[in-house]
Amino acid sequence: NGLGSAFDARISTHSAGTYKPDPRAYALAETTFALPRQAIA
């Protein structure tokens, strides 16, 4: 779709070895963005 440059990062739940809705999957955004969950929509 020509959108490779539209994002600051790409997060796959593969990194946690699980799938949503496992909390470990959602936690990857905190680590990637280096932000608390309250600051991530």
Full PDB file with SEQRES, HELIX, SHEET, SSBOND, CRYST1, ORIGX, SCALE, CONECT and MASTER records, all heavy atoms in Angstrom:
SEQRES   1 A   41  ASN GLY LEU GLY SER ALA PHE ASP ALA ARG ILE SER THR          
SEQRES   2 A   41  HIS SER ALA GLY THR TYR LYS PRO ASP PRO ARG ALA TYR          
SEQRES   3 A   41  ALA LEU ALA GLU THR THR PHE ALA LEU PRO ARG GLN ALA          
SEQRES   4 A   41  ILE ALA                                                      
HELIX    1 AA1 THR A   13  ALA A   16  5                                   4    
HELIX    2 AA2 PRO A   23  PHE A   33  1                                  11    
HELIX    3 AA3 ARG A   37  ALA A   39  5                                   3    
CRYST1    1.000    1.000    1.000  90.00  90.00  90.00 P 1           1          
ORIGX1      1.000000  0.000000  0.000000        0.00000                         
ORIGX2      0.000000  1.000000  0.000000        0.00000                         
ORIGX3      0.000000  0.000000  1.000000        0.00000                         
SCALE1      1.000000  0.000000  0.000000        0.00000                         
SCALE2      0.000000  1.000000  0.000000        0.00000                         
SCALE3      0.000000  0.000000  1.000000        0.00000                         
ATOM      1  N   ASN A   1       0.808  -1.226   0.000  1.00  0.00           N  
ATOM      2  CA  ASN A   1       0.000   0.000   0.000  1.00  0.00           C  
ATOM      3  C   ASN A   1       0.840   1.274   0.000  1.00  0.00           C  
ATOM      4  O   ASN A   1       0.281   2.371   0.118  1.00  0.00           O  
ATOM      5  CB  ASN A   1      -0.934  -0.013   1.207  1.00  0.00           C  
ATOM      6  CG  ASN A   1      -2.079  -0.985   1.062  1.00  0.00           C  
ATOM      7  OD1 ASN A   1      -3.120  -0.655   0.502  1.00  0.00           O  
ATOM      8  ND2 ASN A   1      -1.892  -2.204   1.539  1.00  0.00           N  
ATOM      9  N   GLY A   2       2.153   1.154  -0.125  1.00  0.00           N  
ATOM     10  CA  GLY A   2       3.015   2.327  -0.135  1.00  0.00           C  
ATOM     11  C   GLY A   2       3.011   3.101   1.167  1.00  0.00           C  
ATOM     12  O   GLY A   2       3.188   4.328   1.171  1.00  0.00           O  
ATOM     13  N   LEU A   3       2.832   2.396   2.294  1.00  0.00           N  
ATOM     14  CA  LEU A   3       2.735   3.065   3.588  1.00  0.00           C  
ATOM     15  C   LEU A   3       3.897   2.701   4.519  1.00  0.00           C  
ATOM     16  O   LEU A   3       3.791   2.877   5.738  1.00  0.00           O  
ATOM     17  CB  LEU A   3       1.403   2.715   4.256  1.00  0.00           C  
ATOM     18  CG  LEU A   3       0.155   3.285   3.577  1.00  0.00           C  
ATOM     19  CD1 LEU A   3      -1.110   2.726   4.231  1.00  0.00           C  
ATOM     20  CD2 LEU A   3       0.157   4.807   3.651  1.00  0.00           C  
ATOM     21  N   GLY A   4       4.967   2.219   3.953  1.00  0.00           N  
ATOM     22  CA  GLY A   4       6.087   1.811   4.781  1.00  0.00           C  
ATOM     23  C   GLY A   4       6.675   2.925   5.622  1.00  0.00           C  
ATOM     24  O   GLY A   4       7.191   2.690   6.721  1.00  0.00           O  
ATOM     25  N   SER A   5       6.595   4.166   5.131  1.00  0.00           N  
ATOM     26  CA  SER A   5       7.190   5.293   5.848  1.00  0.00           C  
ATOM     27  C   SER A   5       6.191   6.025   6.736  1.00  0.00           C  
ATOM     28  O   SER A   5       6.524   7.055   7.329  1.00  0.00           O  
ATOM     29  CB  SER A   5       7.793   6.283   4.848  1.00  0.00           C  
ATOM     30  OG  SER A   5       6.784   6.811   3.996  1.00  0.00           O  
ATOM     31  N   ALA A   6       4.972   5.508   6.849  1.00  0.00           N  
ATOM     32  CA  ALA A   6       3.928   6.207   7.602  1.00  0.00           C  
ATOM     33  C   ALA A   6       4.017   5.964   9.104  1.00  0.00           C  
ATOM     34  O   ALA A   6       3.315   6.620   9.869  1.00  0.00           O  
ATOM     35  CB  ALA A   6       2.554   5.781   7.098  1.00  0.00           C  
ATOM     36  N   PHE A   7       4.890   5.042   9.524  1.00  0.00           N  
ATOM     37  CA  PHE A   7       4.927   4.647  10.929  1.00  0.00           C  
ATOM     38  C   PHE A   7       6.316   4.830  11.522  1.00  0.00           C  
ATOM     39  O   PHE A   7       7.333   4.726  10.840  1.00  0.00           O  
ATOM     40  CB  PHE A   7       4.492   3.185  11.075  1.00  0.00           C  
ATOM     41  CG  PHE A   7       3.095   2.926  10.584  1.00  0.00           C  
ATOM     42  CD1 PHE A   7       2.880   2.443   9.296  1.00  0.00           C  
ATOM     43  CD2 PHE A   7       2.010   3.177  11.392  1.00  0.00           C  
ATOM     44  CE1 PHE A   7       1.594   2.218   8.833  1.00  0.00           C  
ATOM     45  CE2 PHE A   7       0.719   2.951  10.931  1.00  0.00           C  
ATOM     46  CZ  PHE A   7       0.513   2.471   9.659  1.00  0.00           C  
ATOM     47  N   ASP A   8       6.323   5.062  12.828  1.00  0.00           N  
ATOM     48  CA  ASP A   8       7.581   5.169  13.561  1.00  0.00           C  
ATOM     49  C   ASP A   8       8.129   3.796  13.917  1.00  0.00           C  
ATOM     50  O   ASP A   8       9.333   3.644  14.165  1.00  0.00           O  
ATOM     51  CB  ASP A   8       7.364   5.980  14.842  1.00  0.00           C  
ATOM     52  CG  ASP A   8       6.910   7.397  14.548  1.00  0.00           C  
ATOM     53  OD1 ASP A   8       7.774   8.243  14.275  1.00  0.00           O  
ATOM     54  OD2 ASP A   8       5.691   7.647  14.571  1.00  0.00           O  
ATOM     55  N   ALA A   9       7.260   2.786  13.971  1.00  0.00           N  
ATOM     56  CA  ALA A   9       7.676   1.430  14.305  1.00  0.00           C  
ATOM     57  C   ALA A   9       6.628   0.457  13.778  1.00  0.00           C  
ATOM     58  O   ALA A   9       5.527   0.861  13.380  1.00  0.00           O  
ATOM     59  CB  ALA A   9       7.823   1.269  15.815  1.00  0.00           C  
ATOM     60  N   ARG A  10       6.983  -0.813  13.771  1.00  0.00           N  
ATOM     61  CA  ARG A  10       6.060  -1.876  13.376  1.00  0.00           C  
ATOM     62  C   ARG A  10       6.109  -2.923  14.477  1.00  0.00           C  
ATOM     63  O   ARG A  10       7.176  -3.466  14.763  1.00  0.00           O  
ATOM     64  CB  ARG A  10       6.462  -2.468  12.031  1.00  0.00           C  
ATOM     65  CG  ARG A  10       6.562  -1.412  10.938  1.00  0.00           C  
ATOM     66  CD  ARG A  10       7.156  -1.950   9.660  1.00  0.00           C  
ATOM     67  NE  ARG A  10       7.396  -0.866   8.723  1.00  0.00           N  
ATOM     68  CZ  ARG A  10       7.812  -1.025   7.469  1.00  0.00           C  
ATOM     69  NH1 ARG A  10       8.032  -2.246   7.004  1.00  0.00           N  
ATOM     70  NH2 ARG A  10       8.008   0.014   6.683  1.00  0.00           N  
ATOM     71  N   ILE A  11       4.960  -3.201  15.085  1.00  0.00           N  
ATOM     72  CA  ILE A  11       4.927  -4.080  16.247  1.00  0.00           C  
ATOM     73  C   ILE A  11       4.155  -5.343  15.914  1.00  0.00           C  
ATOM     74  O   ILE A  11       2.956  -5.294  15.609  1.00  0.00           O  
ATOM     75  CB  ILE A  11       4.272  -3.383  17.455  1.00  0.00           C  
ATOM     76  CG1 ILE A  11       4.918  -2.014  17.709  1.00  0.00           C  
ATOM     77  CG2 ILE A  11       4.381  -4.264  18.693  1.00  0.00           C  
ATOM     78  CD1 ILE A  11       4.177  -1.182  18.750  1.00  0.00           C  
ATOM     79  N   SER A  12       4.840  -6.465  15.966  1.00  0.00           N  
ATOM     80  CA  SER A  12       4.211  -7.764  15.759  1.00  0.00           C  
ATOM     81  C   SER A  12       4.193  -8.512  17.079  1.00  0.00           C  
ATOM     82  O   SER A  12       5.186  -8.541  17.814  1.00  0.00           O  
ATOM     83  CB  SER A  12       4.994  -8.570  14.722  1.00  0.00           C  
ATOM     84  OG  SER A  12       4.587  -9.934  14.731  1.00  0.00           O  
ATOM     85  N   THR A  13       3.062  -9.149  17.387  1.00  0.00           N  
ATOM     86  CA  THR A  13       2.980  -9.930  18.613  1.00  0.00           C  
ATOM     87  C   THR A  13       3.909 -11.142  18.573  1.00  0.00           C  
ATOM     88  O   THR A  13       4.115 -11.799  19.595  1.00  0.00           O  
ATOM     89  CB  THR A  13       1.543 -10.399  18.872  1.00  0.00           C  
ATOM     90  OG1 THR A  13       1.114 -11.278  17.824  1.00  0.00           O  
ATOM     91  CG2 THR A  13       0.592  -9.208  18.957  1.00  0.00           C  
ATOM     92  N   HIS A  14       4.486 -11.402  17.409  1.00  0.00           N  
ATOM     93  CA  HIS A  14       5.498 -12.451  17.279  1.00  0.00           C  
ATOM     94  C   HIS A  14       6.622 -12.243  18.289  1.00  0.00           C  
ATOM     95  O   HIS A  14       7.194 -13.217  18.806  1.00  0.00           O  
ATOM     96  CB  HIS A  14       6.047 -12.445  15.852  1.00  0.00           C  
ATOM     97  CG  HIS A  14       7.103 -13.469  15.585  1.00  0.00           C  
ATOM     98  ND1 HIS A  14       6.807 -14.779  15.266  1.00  0.00           N  
ATOM     99  CD2 HIS A  14       8.464 -13.380  15.581  1.00  0.00           C  
ATOM    100  CE1 HIS A  14       7.927 -15.450  15.067  1.00  0.00           C  
ATOM    101  NE2 HIS A  14       8.944 -14.626  15.264  1.00  0.00           N  
ATOM    102  N   SER A  15       6.921 -10.972  18.579  1.00  0.00           N  
ATOM    103  CA  SER A  15       8.016 -10.662  19.515  1.00  0.00           C  
ATOM    104  C   SER A  15       7.735 -11.185  20.912  1.00  0.00           C  
ATOM    105  O   SER A  15       8.671 -11.467  21.673  1.00  0.00           O  
ATOM    106  CB  SER A  15       8.243  -9.148  19.573  1.00  0.00           C  
ATOM    107  OG  SER A  15       8.613  -8.643  18.309  1.00  0.00           O  
ATOM    108  N   ALA A  16       6.460 -11.310  21.261  1.00  0.00           N  
ATOM    109  CA  ALA A  16       6.089 -11.821  22.576  1.00  0.00           C  
ATOM    110  C   ALA A  16       5.727 -13.299  22.541  1.00  0.00           C  
ATOM    111  O   ALA A  16       5.444 -13.896  23.578  1.00  0.00           O  
ATOM    112  CB  ALA A  16       4.905 -11.026  23.130  1.00  0.00           C  
ATOM    113  N   GLY A  17       5.713 -13.892  21.360  1.00  0.00           N  
ATOM    114  CA  GLY A  17       5.367 -15.301  21.234  1.00  0.00           C  
ATOM    115  C   GLY A  17       3.939 -15.597  21.651  1.00  0.00           C  
ATOM    116  O   GLY A  17       3.647 -16.649  22.224  1.00  0.00           O  
ATOM    117  N   THR A  18       3.022 -14.676  21.308  1.00  0.00           N  
ATOM    118  CA  THR A  18       1.621 -14.856  21.665  1.00  0.00           C  
ATOM    119  C   THR A  18       0.763 -14.000  20.754  1.00  0.00           C  
ATOM    120  O   THR A  18       1.269 -13.424  19.783  1.00  0.00           O  
ATOM    121  CB  THR A  18       1.379 -14.497  23.140  1.00  0.00           C  
ATOM    122  OG1 THR A  18       0.048 -14.886  23.515  1.00  0.00           O  
ATOM    123  CG2 THR A  18       1.575 -13.019  23.402  1.00  0.00           C  
ATOM    124  N   TYR A  19      -0.523 -13.919  21.053  1.00  0.00           N  
ATOM    125  CA  TYR A  19      -1.450 -13.132  20.250  1.00  0.00           C  
ATOM    126  C   TYR A  19      -2.342 -12.296  21.157  1.00  0.00           C  
ATOM    127  O   TYR A  19      -2.566 -12.628  22.323  1.00  0.00           O  
ATOM    128  CB  TYR A  19      -2.329 -14.054  19.386  1.00  0.00           C  
ATOM    129  CG  TYR A  19      -1.560 -14.795  18.323  1.00  0.00           C  
ATOM    130  CD1 TYR A  19      -1.340 -16.171  18.424  1.00  0.00           C  
ATOM    131  CD2 TYR A  19      -1.043 -14.128  17.220  1.00  0.00           C  
ATOM    132  CE1 TYR A  19      -0.627 -16.852  17.436  1.00  0.00           C  
ATOM    133  CE2 TYR A  19      -0.323 -14.796  16.244  1.00  0.00           C  
ATOM    134  CZ  TYR A  19      -0.112 -16.149  16.356  1.00  0.00           C  
ATOM    135  OH  TYR A  19       0.600 -16.806  15.392  1.00  0.00           O  
ATOM    136  N   LYS A  20      -2.841 -11.187  20.617  1.00  0.00           N  
ATOM    137  CA  LYS A  20      -3.892 -10.464  21.321  1.00  0.00           C  
ATOM    138  C   LYS A  20      -5.098 -11.395  21.492  1.00  0.00           C  
ATOM    139  O   LYS A  20      -5.358 -12.189  20.603  1.00  0.00           O  
ATOM    140  CB  LYS A  20      -4.302  -9.225  20.518  1.00  0.00           C  
ATOM    141  CG  LYS A  20      -3.198  -8.195  20.349  1.00  0.00           C  
ATOM    142  CD  LYS A  20      -3.662  -6.997  19.542  1.00  0.00           C  
ATOM    143  CE  LYS A  20      -3.961  -7.341  18.103  1.00  0.00           C  
ATOM    144  NZ  LYS A  20      -4.439  -6.175  17.308  1.00  0.00           N  
ATOM    145  N   PRO A  21      -5.796 -11.352  22.635  1.00  0.00           N  
ATOM    146  CA  PRO A  21      -5.747 -10.351  23.696  1.00  0.00           C  
ATOM    147  C   PRO A  21      -4.842 -10.674  24.871  1.00  0.00           C  
ATOM    148  O   PRO A  21      -5.082 -10.162  25.974  1.00  0.00           O  
ATOM    149  CB  PRO A  21      -7.202 -10.283  24.141  1.00  0.00           C  
ATOM    150  CG  PRO A  21      -7.677 -11.704  24.005  1.00  0.00           C  
ATOM    151  CD  PRO A  21      -6.989 -12.222  22.775  1.00  0.00           C  
ATOM    152  N   ASP A  22      -3.823 -11.490  24.710  1.00  0.00           N  
ATOM    153  CA  ASP A  22      -2.857 -11.725  25.774  1.00  0.00           C  
ATOM    154  C   ASP A  22      -2.231 -10.385  26.175  1.00  0.00           C  
ATOM    155  O   ASP A  22      -1.751  -9.644  25.320  1.00  0.00           O  
ATOM    156  CB  ASP A  22      -1.774 -12.676  25.256  1.00  0.00           C  
ATOM    157  CG  ASP A  22      -0.825 -13.145  26.348  1.00  0.00           C  
ATOM    158  OD1 ASP A  22      -0.503 -12.352  27.257  1.00  0.00           O  
ATOM    159  OD2 ASP A  22      -0.370 -14.298  26.264  1.00  0.00           O  
ATOM    160  N   PRO A  23      -2.205 -10.037  27.457  1.00  0.00           N  
ATOM    161  CA  PRO A  23      -1.605  -8.763  27.873  1.00  0.00           C  
ATOM    162  C   PRO A  23      -0.164  -8.577  27.421  1.00  0.00           C  
ATOM    163  O   PRO A  23       0.274  -7.453  27.184  1.00  0.00           O  
ATOM    164  CB  PRO A  23      -1.699  -8.817  29.409  1.00  0.00           C  
ATOM    165  CG  PRO A  23      -2.855  -9.717  29.686  1.00  0.00           C  
ATOM    166  CD  PRO A  23      -2.816 -10.753  28.594  1.00  0.00           C  
ATOM    167  N   ARG A  24       0.570  -9.680  27.260  1.00  0.00           N  
ATOM    168  CA  ARG A  24       1.956  -9.557  26.794  1.00  0.00           C  
ATOM    169  C   ARG A  24       2.027  -8.994  25.378  1.00  0.00           C  
ATOM    170  O   ARG A  24       3.023  -8.357  25.011  1.00  0.00           O  
ATOM    171  CB  ARG A  24       2.648 -10.917  26.853  1.00  0.00           C  
ATOM    172  CG  ARG A  24       2.855 -11.466  28.246  1.00  0.00           C  
ATOM    173  CD  ARG A  24       3.385 -12.877  28.198  1.00  0.00           C  
ATOM    174  NE  ARG A  24       2.438 -13.777  27.560  1.00  0.00           N  
ATOM    175  CZ  ARG A  24       2.737 -15.017  27.145  1.00  0.00           C  
ATOM    176  NH1 ARG A  24       3.975 -15.480  27.293  1.00  0.00           N  
ATOM    177  NH2 ARG A  24       1.813 -15.768  26.584  1.00  0.00           N  
ATOM    178  N   ALA A  25       0.981  -9.236  24.599  1.00  0.00           N  
ATOM    179  CA  ALA A  25       0.948  -8.686  23.242  1.00  0.00           C  
ATOM    180  C   ALA A  25       0.762  -7.176  23.289  1.00  0.00           C  
ATOM    181  O   ALA A  25       1.476  -6.424  22.620  1.00  0.00           O  
ATOM    182  CB  ALA A  25      -0.177  -9.343  22.440  1.00  0.00           C  
ATOM    183  N   TYR A  26      -0.187  -6.709  24.092  1.00  0.00           N  
ATOM    184  CA  TYR A  26      -0.420  -5.267  24.189  1.00  0.00           C  
ATOM    185  C   TYR A  26       0.776  -4.547  24.804  1.00  0.00           C  
ATOM    186  O   TYR A  26       1.077  -3.400  24.450  1.00  0.00           O  
ATOM    187  CB  TYR A  26      -1.679  -4.993  25.021  1.00  0.00           C  
ATOM    188  CG  TYR A  26      -2.944  -5.496  24.383  1.00  0.00           C  
ATOM    189  CD1 TYR A  26      -3.659  -6.556  24.930  1.00  0.00           C  
ATOM    190  CD2 TYR A  26      -3.441  -4.916  23.217  1.00  0.00           C  
ATOM    191  CE1 TYR A  26      -4.823  -7.028  24.348  1.00  0.00           C  
ATOM    192  CE2 TYR A  26      -4.601  -5.380  22.622  1.00  0.00           C  
ATOM    193  CZ  TYR A  26      -5.292  -6.438  23.199  1.00  0.00           C  
ATOM    194  OH  TYR A  26      -6.442  -6.893  22.600  1.00  0.00           O  
ATOM    195  N   ALA A  27       1.486  -5.203  25.706  1.00  0.00           N  
ATOM    196  CA  ALA A  27       2.619  -4.571  26.391  1.00  0.00           C  
ATOM    197  C   ALA A  27       3.743  -4.192  25.433  1.00  0.00           C  
ATOM    198  O   ALA A  27       4.578  -3.338  25.761  1.00  0.00           O  
ATOM    199  CB  ALA A  27       3.154  -5.507  27.480  1.00  0.00           C  
ATOM    200  N   LEU A  28       3.776  -4.791  24.263  1.00  0.00           N  
ATOM    201  CA  LEU A  28       4.842  -4.486  23.305  1.00  0.00           C  
ATOM    202  C   LEU A  28       4.846  -3.015  22.897  1.00  0.00           C  
ATOM    203  O   LEU A  28       5.899  -2.458  22.594  1.00  0.00           O  
ATOM    204  CB  LEU A  28       4.696  -5.365  22.063  1.00  0.00           C  
ATOM    205  CG  LEU A  28       4.948  -6.865  22.263  1.00  0.00           C  
ATOM    206  CD1 LEU A  28       4.542  -7.639  21.014  1.00  0.00           C  
ATOM    207  CD2 LEU A  28       6.417  -7.125  22.596  1.00  0.00           C  
ATOM    208  N   ALA A  29       3.684  -2.371  22.882  1.00  0.00           N  
ATOM    209  CA  ALA A  29       3.636  -0.956  22.506  1.00  0.00           C  
ATOM    210  C   ALA A  29       4.316  -0.090  23.556  1.00  0.00           C  
ATOM    211  O   ALA A  29       4.982   0.896  23.222  1.00  0.00           O  
ATOM    212  CB  ALA A  29       2.191  -0.507  22.304  1.00  0.00           C  
ATOM    213  N   GLU A  30       4.160  -0.437  24.825  1.00  0.00           N  
ATOM    214  CA  GLU A  30       4.852   0.310  25.875  1.00  0.00           C  
ATOM    215  C   GLU A  30       6.356   0.259  25.672  1.00  0.00           C  
ATOM    216  O   GLU A  30       7.052   1.284  25.768  1.00  0.00           O  
ATOM    217  CB  GLU A  30       4.519  -0.282  27.249  1.00  0.00           C  
ATOM    218  CG  GLU A  30       3.153   0.025  27.781  1.00  0.00           C  
ATOM    219  CD  GLU A  30       2.988  -0.492  29.197  1.00  0.00           C  
ATOM    220  OE1 GLU A  30       3.057  -1.731  29.382  1.00  0.00           O  
ATOM    221  OE2 GLU A  30       2.807   0.325  30.112  1.00  0.00           O  
ATOM    222  N   THR A  31       6.864  -0.925  25.399  1.00  0.00           N  
ATOM    223  CA  THR A  31       8.299  -1.091  25.206  1.00  0.00           C  
ATOM    224  C   THR A  31       8.772  -0.374  23.954  1.00  0.00           C  
ATOM    225  O   THR A  31       9.807   0.306  23.962  1.00  0.00           O  
ATOM    226  CB  THR A  31       8.639  -2.590  25.106  1.00  0.00           C  
ATOM    227  OG1 THR A  31       8.178  -3.259  26.276  1.00  0.00           O  
ATOM    228  CG2 THR A  31      10.129  -2.800  24.956  1.00  0.00           C  
ATOM    229  N   THR A  32       8.022  -0.510  22.880  1.00  0.00           N  
ATOM    230  CA  THR A  32       8.427   0.071  21.602  1.00  0.00           C  
ATOM    231  C   THR A  32       8.430   1.596  21.650  1.00  0.00           C  
ATOM    232  O   THR A  32       9.382   2.239  21.196  1.00  0.00           O  
ATOM    233  CB  THR A  32       7.486  -0.411  20.485  1.00  0.00           C  
ATOM    234  OG1 THR A  32       7.542  -1.844  20.400  1.00  0.00           O  
ATOM    235  CG2 THR A  32       7.882   0.195  19.146  1.00  0.00           C  
ATOM    236  N   PHE A  33       7.381   2.174  22.190  1.00  0.00           N  
ATOM    237  CA  PHE A  33       7.278   3.627  22.245  1.00  0.00           C  
ATOM    238  C   PHE A  33       8.042   4.232  23.424  1.00  0.00           C  
ATOM    239  O   PHE A  33       8.248   5.444  23.477  1.00  0.00           O  
ATOM    240  CB  PHE A  33       5.810   4.052  22.356  1.00  0.00           C  
ATOM    241  CG  PHE A  33       5.003   3.875  21.098  1.00  0.00           C  
ATOM    242  CD1 PHE A  33       3.815   3.171  21.117  1.00  0.00           C  
ATOM    243  CD2 PHE A  33       5.428   4.428  19.897  1.00  0.00           C  
ATOM    244  CE1 PHE A  33       3.052   3.019  19.972  1.00  0.00           C  
ATOM    245  CE2 PHE A  33       4.676   4.288  18.740  1.00  0.00           C  
ATOM    246  CZ  PHE A  33       3.480   3.582  18.774  1.00  0.00           C  
ATOM    247  N   ALA A  34       8.433   3.379  24.384  1.00  0.00           N  
ATOM    248  CA  ALA A  34       9.082   3.860  25.616  1.00  0.00           C  
ATOM    249  C   ALA A  34       8.193   4.887  26.310  1.00  0.00           C  
ATOM    250  O   ALA A  34       8.647   5.951  26.745  1.00  0.00           O  
ATOM    251  CB  ALA A  34      10.454   4.439  25.330  1.00  0.00           C  
ATOM    252  N   LEU A  35       6.905   4.539  26.404  1.00  0.00           N  
ATOM    253  CA  LEU A  35       5.916   5.404  27.029  1.00  0.00           C  
ATOM    254  C   LEU A  35       5.045   4.573  27.965  1.00  0.00           C  
ATOM    255  O   LEU A  35       4.879   3.364  27.751  1.00  0.00           O  
ATOM    256  CB  LEU A  35       5.003   6.039  25.971  1.00  0.00           C  
ATOM    257  CG  LEU A  35       5.608   7.090  25.044  1.00  0.00           C  
ATOM    258  CD1 LEU A  35       4.645   7.378  23.895  1.00  0.00           C  
ATOM    259  CD2 LEU A  35       5.926   8.371  25.819  1.00  0.00           C  
ATOM    260  N   PRO A  36       4.472   5.196  29.000  1.00  0.00           N  
ATOM    261  CA  PRO A  36       3.513   4.471  29.834  1.00  0.00           C  
ATOM    262  C   PRO A  36       2.235   4.204  29.053  1.00  0.00           C  
ATOM    263  O   PRO A  36       1.897   4.935  28.118  1.00  0.00           O  
ATOM    264  CB  PRO A  36       3.264   5.430  31.002  1.00  0.00           C  
ATOM    265  CG  PRO A  36       3.533   6.783  30.434  1.00  0.00           C  
ATOM    266  CD  PRO A  36       4.658   6.585  29.451  1.00  0.00           C  
ATOM    267  N   ARG A  37       1.527   3.164  29.422  1.00  0.00           N  
ATOM    268  CA  ARG A  37       0.335   2.777  28.659  1.00  0.00           C  
ATOM    269  C   ARG A  37      -0.720   3.884  28.619  1.00  0.00           C  
ATOM    270  O   ARG A  37      -1.460   3.994  27.655  1.00  0.00           O  
ATOM    271  CB  ARG A  37      -0.258   1.484  29.221  1.00  0.00           C  
ATOM    272  CG  ARG A  37      -0.797   1.568  30.631  1.00  0.00           C  
ATOM    273  CD  ARG A  37      -1.113   0.191  31.194  1.00  0.00           C  
ATOM    274  NE  ARG A  37       0.110  -0.572  31.404  1.00  0.00           N  
ATOM    275  CZ  ARG A  37       0.131  -1.822  31.908  1.00  0.00           C  
ATOM    276  NH1 ARG A  37      -1.012  -2.429  32.224  1.00  0.00           N  
ATOM    277  NH2 ARG A  37       1.266  -2.457  32.080  1.00  0.00           N  
ATOM    278  N   GLN A  38      -0.764   4.726  29.665  1.00  0.00           N  
ATOM    279  CA  GLN A  38      -1.752   5.797  29.686  1.00  0.00           C  
ATOM    280  C   GLN A  38      -1.508   6.833  28.593  1.00  0.00           C  
ATOM    281  O   GLN A  38      -2.400   7.618  28.273  1.00  0.00           O  
ATOM    282  CB  GLN A  38      -1.748   6.487  31.051  1.00  0.00           C  
ATOM    283  CG  GLN A  38      -2.176   5.596  32.204  1.00  0.00           C  
ATOM    284  CD  GLN A  38      -1.012   4.825  32.806  1.00  0.00           C  
ATOM    285  OE1 GLN A  38       0.082   4.787  32.246  1.00  0.00           O  
ATOM    286  NE2 GLN A  38      -1.255   4.213  33.956  1.00  0.00           N  
ATOM    287  N   ALA A  39      -0.297   6.849  28.015  1.00  0.00           N  
ATOM    288  CA  ALA A  39       0.050   7.817  26.975  1.00  0.00           C  
ATOM    289  C   ALA A  39      -0.052   7.236  25.570  1.00  0.00           C  
ATOM    290  O   ALA A  39       0.283   7.900  24.591  1.00  0.00           O  
ATOM    291  CB  ALA A  39       1.463   8.351  27.201  1.00  0.00           C  
ATOM    292  N   ILE A  40      -0.531   5.988  25.470  1.00  0.00           N  
ATOM    293  CA  ILE A  40      -0.629   5.302  24.184  1.00  0.00           C  
ATOM    294  C   ILE A  40      -2.089   4.977  23.893  1.00  0.00           C  
ATOM    295  O   ILE A  40      -2.720   4.217  24.627  1.00  0.00           O  
ATOM    296  CB  ILE A  40       0.197   4.004  24.176  1.00  0.00           C  
ATOM    297  CG1 ILE A  40       1.661   4.286  24.514  1.00  0.00           C  
ATOM    298  CG2 ILE A  40       0.070   3.297  22.829  1.00  0.00           C  
ATOM    299  CD1 ILE A  40       2.474   3.032  24.786  1.00  0.00           C  
ATOM    300  N   ALA A  41      -2.641   5.544  22.847  1.00  0.00           N  
ATOM    301  CA  ALA A  41      -4.001   5.201  22.433  1.00  0.00           C  
ATOM    302  C   ALA A  41      -3.956   3.945  21.575  1.00  0.00           C  
ATOM    303  O   ALA A  41      -3.026   3.749  20.788  1.00  0.00           O  
ATOM    304  CB  ALA A  41      -4.627   6.345  21.649  1.00  0.00           C  
TER     305      ALA A  41                                                      
MASTER        0    0    0    3    0    0    0    6  304    1    0    4          
END                                                                             
